[in-house]
Amino acid sequence: MIRLHITSEGPTEQIFAKKILTPHLAGYNVFVDARSVLTSKDKRAAKEYRGGLLNYEKAKKDIAAWLREDHQEECRFTTMFDLYALPVDFPGYAEAYVQRDPYERIKILEERMAADIDDRRFVPYIQLHEFEALILAGPQHLSWEYLEHDTPIHNLISMVGSQNPELINDGRETAPSKRILKEIPEYDKATAGPAVAERIGLPALRARCRHFHEWLSRLEQLAGAPGSQP
C-alpha cells in the first residue's frame, strides 16, 4: 500500500485529484491525499492560504515540509503544476525555455525539480500546458455544464480537431483556458473543470494527452499492484 500526497497548483487540480484520481488509483493500492500549494500564513489567526503557484521557492518549502511531516517509507509525493505561467525561478527554467519541443521542455523542468527536491519518494509532474488541456481532450462534454452553448462548443471542437490538446500553446491569449473563455466567458475552472474532466473519463484523457498518461501510469505502478488498466 502506498499513500500518495499530491501538491496541486490550485483548487481545480486538487478537486480533480480527489474526485477522479483517488478512486482510480485506489484500485492500484495507491491512496491519494491532495492539497493546494501554500501561498501564505496568518500566524495571528492560525490560518493558511493555499492555491496559486506564485514562485517556486514557496512551493518547494511547502513540498519539503510535507516530506518531513510524513517521512514513512510507504509515502510518495507528486505535483500537479501548469507549465503555463510557470514561475521564472523554477529550476531549469532558462534551459527549458530555449527548447522548441514542449515535451523536451517538460522533461528538463521535471528533472531539475526532482534533483532540487532531492527525495527518492518524489515524482514531479507538470501539466502541458495547463489543466484545460484535459478539457480540450473532449470539449463536447462542456455541454454537460453549459446548456444552450452549442455554437461555442462546436467552435472548440473544430478548433481542437485531431490535434494533441497538450500541444495547444501557452500564449496569454491562446492558452487552453483562454480559448475556452473566449467561447464560454462564464466558464468556471474550479467548478466546471473537474466535472467536465470526469465526464470525458480517464481513458479518453489518457488517449489524447500523452504526458498525462505517462504520469498516471507511473503512479499506478507505485505499489507494484497489477490493478485494472482503463
Protein backbone atom coordinates (compact mmCIF):
# COMPACT_ATOMS: atom_id res chain seq x y z
CA MET A 1 0.00 0.00 0.00
CA ILE A 2 1.23 3.48 -0.92
CA ARG A 3 -0.02 6.80 0.39
CA LEU A 4 0.37 9.43 -2.32
CA HIS A 5 0.42 13.12 -1.43
CA ILE A 6 -0.32 15.47 -4.34
CA THR A 7 0.62 19.15 -4.16
CA SER A 8 -1.63 20.90 -6.67
CA GLU A 9 -1.33 24.35 -8.15
CA GLY A 10 -4.85 25.28 -7.07
CA PRO A 11 -8.29 24.02 -6.05
CA THR A 12 -9.22 22.79 -9.54
CA GLU A 13 -6.35 20.30 -9.64
CA GLN A 14 -6.99 19.39 -6.00
CA ILE A 15 -10.63 18.55 -6.74
CA PHE A 16 -9.60 16.63 -9.86
CA ALA A 17 -7.13 14.59 -7.82
CA LYS A 18 -9.63 13.79 -5.08
CA LYS A 19 -12.64 13.15 -7.29
CA ILE A 20 -11.10 11.36 -10.26
CA LEU A 21 -7.60 10.14 -9.43
CA THR A 22 -8.42 8.92 -5.91
CA PRO A 23 -10.95 6.19 -6.83
CA HIS A 24 -8.89 5.13 -9.84
CA LEU A 25 -5.58 4.79 -8.02
CA ALA A 26 -7.20 3.02 -5.07
CA GLY A 27 -7.52 0.05 -7.43
CA TYR A 28 -3.73 0.01 -7.58
CA ASN A 29 -3.29 0.20 -3.79
CA VAL A 30 -2.31 3.86 -4.07
CA PHE A 31 -4.32 6.07 -1.73
CA VAL A 32 -4.40 9.76 -2.59
CA ASP A 33 -4.38 12.89 -0.49
CA ALA A 34 -4.19 16.29 -2.17
CA ARG A 35 -3.76 19.88 -1.11
CA SER A 36 -3.09 23.12 -2.93
CA VAL A 37 0.32 24.73 -2.62
CA LEU A 38 0.78 27.01 0.38
CA THR A 39 0.94 30.70 -0.57
CA SER A 40 0.86 32.48 2.81
CA LYS A 41 0.17 32.13 6.53
CA ASP A 42 -1.61 34.34 9.02
CA LYS A 43 0.11 33.41 12.27
CA ARG A 44 -2.16 35.58 14.39
CA ALA A 45 -5.30 33.85 13.12
CA ALA A 46 -3.53 30.49 12.73
CA LYS A 47 -4.72 30.30 9.12
CA GLU A 48 -3.09 29.03 5.94
CA TYR A 49 -3.90 30.27 2.47
CA ARG A 50 -3.45 27.85 -0.40
CA GLY A 51 -3.75 27.99 -4.16
CA GLY A 52 -1.63 29.66 -6.82
CA LEU A 53 1.95 28.95 -7.85
CA LEU A 54 3.35 32.38 -7.06
CA ASN A 55 7.01 31.36 -7.05
CA TYR A 56 8.99 28.17 -6.90
CA GLU A 57 10.62 28.77 -3.52
CA LYS A 58 7.25 28.87 -1.73
CA ALA A 59 6.18 25.68 -3.47
CA LYS A 60 9.47 23.98 -2.61
CA LYS A 61 9.14 24.89 1.08
CA ASP A 62 5.60 23.52 1.15
CA ILE A 63 6.63 20.24 -0.52
CA ALA A 64 9.68 19.92 1.75
CA ALA A 65 7.51 20.46 4.83
CA TRP A 66 5.17 17.66 3.75
CA LEU A 67 8.14 15.38 3.09
CA ARG A 68 9.33 16.00 6.66
CA GLU A 69 5.86 15.61 8.17
CA ASP A 70 5.24 12.23 6.53
CA HIS A 71 8.60 10.54 6.27
CA GLN A 72 7.29 6.98 6.19
CA GLU A 73 8.61 4.53 3.62
CA GLU A 74 5.16 3.89 2.15
CA CYS A 75 4.66 7.55 1.22
CA ARG A 76 5.14 9.09 -2.20
CA PHE A 77 4.77 12.70 -3.28
CA THR A 78 3.93 14.34 -6.57
CA THR A 79 2.81 17.65 -8.03
CA MET A 80 0.22 18.89 -10.49
CA PHE A 81 1.52 22.24 -11.71
CA ASP A 82 0.77 24.03 -15.01
CA LEU A 83 3.51 24.81 -17.50
CA TYR A 84 1.51 27.92 -18.43
CA ALA A 85 2.75 30.92 -16.41
CA LEU A 86 5.31 28.78 -14.61
CA PRO A 87 7.40 31.00 -12.25
CA VAL A 88 10.72 32.08 -13.71
CA ASP A 89 12.59 30.93 -10.59
CA PHE A 90 11.65 27.32 -11.36
CA PRO A 91 14.72 25.01 -11.58
CA GLY A 92 15.90 24.67 -15.17
CA TYR A 93 13.61 27.46 -16.42
CA ALA A 94 16.17 29.19 -18.67
CA GLU A 95 17.46 25.90 -20.03
CA ALA A 96 13.98 24.55 -20.69
CA TYR A 97 12.56 27.58 -22.44
CA VAL A 98 15.09 27.51 -25.26
CA GLN A 99 13.64 24.13 -26.26
CA ARG A 100 11.11 24.23 -29.10
CA ASP A 101 9.61 20.85 -28.26
CA PRO A 102 7.24 21.22 -25.27
CA TYR A 103 7.89 17.64 -24.21
CA GLU A 104 11.62 18.33 -24.01
CA ARG A 105 10.85 21.47 -22.03
CA ILE A 106 8.77 19.49 -19.57
CA LYS A 107 11.43 16.79 -19.27
CA ILE A 108 14.09 19.32 -18.28
CA LEU A 109 11.85 21.09 -15.77
CA GLU A 110 10.74 17.87 -14.09
CA GLU A 111 14.29 16.50 -13.94
CA ARG A 112 15.62 19.72 -12.42
CA MET A 113 12.78 19.88 -9.93
CA ALA A 114 13.36 16.27 -8.85
CA ALA A 115 17.06 17.00 -8.37
CA ASP A 116 16.29 20.12 -6.36
CA ILE A 117 13.75 18.41 -4.07
CA ASP A 118 16.20 15.53 -3.74
CA ASP A 119 13.97 12.84 -2.27
CA ARG A 120 13.54 9.48 -3.98
CA ARG A 121 9.88 9.42 -2.93
CA PHE A 122 9.12 12.49 -5.04
CA VAL A 123 7.60 12.16 -8.55
CA PRO A 124 7.41 15.57 -10.29
CA TYR A 125 4.63 16.37 -12.74
CA ILE A 126 3.95 19.48 -14.79
CA GLN A 127 0.81 19.64 -16.93
CA LEU A 128 1.18 20.61 -20.58
CA HIS A 129 0.28 23.43 -20.87
CA GLU A 130 -2.40 23.74 -18.20
CA PHE A 131 -5.37 21.87 -16.71
CA GLU A 132 -7.70 22.95 -19.53
CA ALA A 133 -5.74 20.79 -21.99
CA LEU A 134 -7.61 17.92 -20.35
CA ILE A 135 -10.93 19.65 -21.04
CA LEU A 136 -9.96 20.11 -24.70
CA ALA A 137 -9.45 16.35 -24.92
CA GLY A 138 -13.26 16.19 -25.08
CA PRO A 139 -14.75 19.70 -25.38
CA GLN A 140 -18.13 18.30 -26.41
CA HIS A 141 -18.63 17.36 -22.77
CA LEU A 142 -18.76 21.04 -21.81
CA SER A 143 -22.43 20.76 -22.81
CA TRP A 144 -22.96 18.90 -19.53
CA GLU A 145 -22.24 22.12 -17.62
CA TYR A 146 -23.15 24.74 -20.21
CA LEU A 147 -26.55 24.17 -21.78
CA GLU A 148 -27.56 26.10 -24.89
CA HIS A 149 -23.94 26.69 -25.86
CA ASP A 150 -23.99 24.53 -28.97
CA THR A 151 -22.21 27.00 -31.24
CA PRO A 152 -19.37 27.90 -28.83
CA ILE A 153 -18.80 24.24 -28.01
CA HIS A 154 -18.82 23.34 -31.70
CA ASN A 155 -16.22 26.06 -32.26
CA LEU A 156 -13.98 24.48 -29.62
CA ILE A 157 -14.44 21.02 -31.12
CA SER A 158 -13.48 22.37 -34.55
CA MET A 159 -10.51 24.28 -33.13
CA VAL A 160 -9.07 21.20 -31.43
CA GLY A 161 -9.81 18.80 -34.26
CA SER A 162 -7.48 15.82 -34.10
CA GLN A 163 -4.53 17.70 -32.64
CA ASN A 164 -2.92 16.79 -29.34
CA PRO A 165 -4.50 19.14 -26.77
CA GLU A 166 -1.27 19.08 -24.73
CA LEU A 167 0.39 20.94 -27.60
CA ILE A 168 -2.08 23.82 -27.68
CA ASN A 169 0.29 26.63 -26.84
CA ASP A 170 0.71 28.75 -23.74
CA GLY A 171 0.24 32.24 -25.16
CA ARG A 172 -1.59 34.70 -22.93
CA GLU A 173 -4.48 34.82 -25.39
CA THR A 174 -4.19 31.32 -26.85
CA ALA A 175 -3.62 29.02 -23.87
CA PRO A 176 -6.27 26.32 -23.43
CA SER A 177 -8.17 28.22 -20.71
CA LYS A 178 -8.15 31.40 -22.81
CA ARG A 179 -9.61 29.54 -25.77
CA ILE A 180 -12.41 28.14 -23.63
CA LEU A 181 -13.13 31.53 -22.05
CA LYS A 182 -13.27 33.15 -25.46
CA GLU A 183 -16.14 30.86 -26.40
CA ILE A 184 -17.71 30.43 -22.96
CA PRO A 185 -16.95 33.55 -20.86
CA GLU A 186 -18.79 32.10 -17.88
CA TYR A 187 -16.54 29.03 -17.76
CA ASP A 188 -15.57 28.41 -14.13
CA LYS A 189 -12.40 26.37 -13.79
CA ALA A 190 -12.85 25.24 -10.19
CA THR A 191 -16.42 24.00 -10.52
CA ALA A 192 -16.86 23.03 -14.15
CA GLY A 193 -13.30 21.84 -14.83
CA PRO A 194 -13.23 18.66 -12.71
CA ALA A 195 -16.86 17.85 -13.55
CA VAL A 196 -16.22 18.02 -17.29
CA ALA A 197 -12.97 16.06 -16.95
CA GLU A 198 -14.90 13.35 -15.12
CA ARG A 199 -17.44 13.21 -17.95
CA ILE A 200 -14.65 12.87 -20.51
CA GLY A 201 -13.20 10.00 -18.49
CA LEU A 202 -9.66 8.83 -17.83
CA PRO A 203 -9.42 6.55 -20.89
CA ALA A 204 -10.09 9.47 -23.26
CA LEU A 205 -7.84 11.82 -21.29
CA ARG A 206 -5.01 9.31 -21.48
CA ALA A 207 -5.53 8.63 -25.16
CA ARG A 208 -5.35 12.33 -26.08
CA CYS A 209 -2.80 13.59 -23.52
CA ARG A 210 0.48 11.66 -23.69
CA HIS A 211 2.33 13.26 -20.78
CA PHE A 212 -0.70 12.96 -18.50
CA HIS A 213 -0.93 9.27 -19.43
CA GLU A 214 2.76 8.73 -18.66
CA TRP A 215 2.37 10.35 -15.23
CA LEU A 216 -0.73 8.35 -14.34
CA SER A 217 0.95 5.14 -15.50
CA ARG A 218 3.86 5.86 -13.18
CA LEU A 219 1.50 6.47 -10.27
CA GLU A 220 -0.30 3.20 -10.95
CA GLN A 221 2.98 1.34 -10.55
CA LEU A 222 3.98 2.86 -7.22
CA ALA A 223 2.65 -0.03 -5.14
CA GLY A 224 3.57 -2.74 -7.63
CA ALA A 225 -0.11 -3.74 -7.80
CA PRO A 226 -1.46 -5.05 -11.11
CA GLY A 227 -4.76 -3.16 -10.90
CA SER A 228 -7.03 -2.95 -13.92
CA GLN A 229 -5.94 -0.79 -16.79
CA PRO A 230 -8.69 1.51 -18.09
